[in-house]
């Protein structure tokens, strides 16, 4: 029982570390770079999905591409 509690504690600490790391990383990355990272991650994950997963994947790809275009235009126009 104590081994289970130690394992759960270790998992919680790893999740806490991951969330802290990602929040610092997101704060240091430009929104366009973050969207490009999301696109590449989504493209990598999207290949092995079921049909419903592929539909959600396509919706996310449209969203990420729209955000990428929006932030690129915003940067070009200095808005």
C-alpha atoms as a PDB file:
ATOM      1  CA  UNK A   1       0.000   0.000   0.000  1.00  0.00           C
ATOM      2  CA  UNK A   2       2.806   2.414   0.810  1.00  0.00           C
ATOM      3  CA  UNK A   3       4.438   1.588  -2.535  1.00  0.00           C
ATOM      4  CA  UNK A   4       1.212   2.588  -4.307  1.00  0.00           C
ATOM      5  CA  UNK A   5       1.084   5.864  -2.392  1.00  0.00           C
ATOM      6  CA  UNK A   6       4.735   6.555  -3.239  1.00  0.00           C
ATOM      7  CA  UNK A   7       4.058   5.841  -6.904  1.00  0.00           C
ATOM      8  CA  UNK A   8       1.035   8.155  -6.923  1.00  0.00           C
ATOM      9  CA  UNK A   9       3.059  10.843  -5.160  1.00  0.00           C
ATOM     10  CA  UNK A  10       5.820  10.476  -7.776  1.00  0.00           C
ATOM     11  CA  UNK A  11       3.279  10.766 -10.624  1.00  0.00           C
ATOM     12  CA  UNK A  12       1.767  13.899  -9.067  1.00  0.00           C
ATOM     13  CA  UNK A  13       5.207  15.476  -8.679  1.00  0.00           C
ATOM     14  CA  UNK A  14       6.047  14.705 -12.322  1.00  0.00           C
ATOM     15  CA  UNK A  15       2.743  16.221 -13.479  1.00  0.00           C
ATOM     16  CA  UNK A  16       3.339  19.301 -11.331  1.00  0.00           C
ATOM     17  CA  UNK A  17       6.841  19.666 -12.797  1.00  0.00           C
ATOM     18  CA  UNK A  18       5.514  19.230 -16.349  1.00  0.00           C
ATOM     19  CA  UNK A  19       2.778  21.839 -15.859  1.00  0.00           C
ATOM     20  CA  UNK A  20       5.270  24.290 -14.345  1.00  0.00           C
ATOM     21  CA  UNK A  21       7.727  23.716 -17.198  1.00  0.00           C
ATOM     22  CA  UNK A  22       5.056  24.120 -19.877  1.00  0.00           C
ATOM     23  CA  UNK A  23       3.701  27.311 -18.323  1.00  0.00           C
ATOM     24  CA  UNK A  24       7.203  28.836 -18.300  1.00  0.00           C
ATOM     25  CA  UNK A  25       7.800  27.651 -21.864  1.00  0.00           C
ATOM     26  CA  UNK A  26       4.519  29.080 -23.129  1.00  0.00           C
ATOM     27  CA  UNK A  27       5.318  32.403 -21.474  1.00  0.00           C
ATOM     28  CA  UNK A  28       8.651  32.582 -23.326  1.00  0.00           C
ATOM     29  CA  UNK A  29       7.389  31.546 -26.764  1.00  0.00           C
ATOM     30  CA  UNK A  30       5.874  33.892 -29.322  1.00  0.00           C
ATOM     31  CA  UNK A  31       2.246  32.962 -30.157  1.00  0.00           C
ATOM     32  CA  UNK A  32       3.163  32.154 -33.771  1.00  0.00           C
ATOM     33  CA  UNK A  33       5.840  29.712 -32.624  1.00  0.00           C
ATOM     34  CA  UNK A  34       3.401  28.131 -30.186  1.00  0.00           C
ATOM     35  CA  UNK A  35       0.854  27.601 -32.956  1.00  0.00           C
ATOM     36  CA  UNK A  36       3.506  26.086 -35.244  1.00  0.00           C
ATOM     37  CA  UNK A  37       4.506  23.708 -32.447  1.00  0.00           C
ATOM     38  CA  UNK A  38       0.846  22.788 -31.949  1.00  0.00           C
ATOM     39  CA  UNK A  39       0.444  22.155 -35.683  1.00  0.00           C
ATOM     40  CA  UNK A  40       3.447  19.867 -35.831  1.00  0.00           C
ATOM     41  CA  UNK A  41       2.319  17.982 -32.723  1.00  0.00           C
ATOM     42  CA  UNK A  42      -1.219  17.631 -34.076  1.00  0.00           C
ATOM     43  CA  UNK A  43       0.097  16.404 -37.427  1.00  0.00           C
ATOM     44  CA  UNK A  44       2.248  13.821 -35.677  1.00  0.00           C
ATOM     45  CA  UNK A  45      -0.542  12.562 -33.415  1.00  0.00           C
ATOM     46  CA  UNK A  46      -3.276  12.711 -36.071  1.00  0.00           C
ATOM     47  CA  UNK A  47      -2.090   9.792 -38.183  1.00  0.00           C
ATOM     48  CA  UNK A  48      -3.165   6.932 -35.920  1.00  0.00           C
ATOM     49  CA  UNK A  49      -6.620   8.137 -34.942  1.00  0.00           C
ATOM     50  CA  UNK A  50     -10.067   6.638 -35.469  1.00  0.00           C
ATOM     51  CA  UNK A  51     -12.570   8.276 -37.829  1.00  0.00           C
ATOM     52  CA  UNK A  52     -13.988  10.480 -35.047  1.00  0.00           C
ATOM     53  CA  UNK A  53     -10.449  11.380 -34.026  1.00  0.00           C
ATOM     54  CA  UNK A  54      -9.659  12.357 -37.618  1.00  0.00           C
ATOM     55  CA  UNK A  55     -12.673  14.693 -37.693  1.00  0.00           C
ATOM     56  CA  UNK A  56     -11.565  16.369 -34.466  1.00  0.00           C
ATOM     57  CA  UNK A  57      -8.018  16.472 -35.840  1.00  0.00           C
ATOM     58  CA  UNK A  58      -9.197  18.280 -38.996  1.00  0.00           C
ATOM     59  CA  UNK A  59     -11.154  20.797 -36.924  1.00  0.00           C
ATOM     60  CA  UNK A  60      -8.092  21.470 -34.774  1.00  0.00           C
ATOM     61  CA  UNK A  61      -5.903  21.840 -37.863  1.00  0.00           C
ATOM     62  CA  UNK A  62      -8.292  24.463 -39.290  1.00  0.00           C
ATOM     63  CA  UNK A  63      -8.276  26.271 -35.947  1.00  0.00           C
ATOM     64  CA  UNK A  64      -4.476  26.213 -35.650  1.00  0.00           C
ATOM     65  CA  UNK A  65      -3.971  27.348 -39.265  1.00  0.00           C
ATOM     66  CA  UNK A  66      -6.479  30.177 -38.732  1.00  0.00           C
ATOM     67  CA  UNK A  67      -4.652  31.287 -35.604  1.00  0.00           C
ATOM     68  CA  UNK A  68      -1.318  31.094 -37.407  1.00  0.00           C
ATOM     69  CA  UNK A  69      -2.608  33.297 -40.234  1.00  0.00           C
ATOM     70  CA  UNK A  70      -4.171  35.712 -37.731  1.00  0.00           C
ATOM     71  CA  UNK A  71      -0.979  36.115 -35.702  1.00  0.00           C
ATOM     72  CA  UNK A  72       1.154  36.395 -38.851  1.00  0.00           C
ATOM     73  CA  UNK A  73      -1.047  39.166 -40.266  1.00  0.00           C
ATOM     74  CA  UNK A  74      -1.088  40.844 -36.863  1.00  0.00           C
ATOM     75  CA  UNK A  75       2.729  40.792 -36.760  1.00  0.00           C
ATOM     76  CA  UNK A  76       3.040  42.060 -40.330  1.00  0.00           C
ATOM     77  CA  UNK A  77       0.621  44.929 -39.726  1.00  0.00           C
ATOM     78  CA  UNK A  78       2.072  45.678 -36.257  1.00  0.00           C
ATOM     79  CA  UNK A  79      -1.371  45.751 -34.669  1.00  0.00           C
END
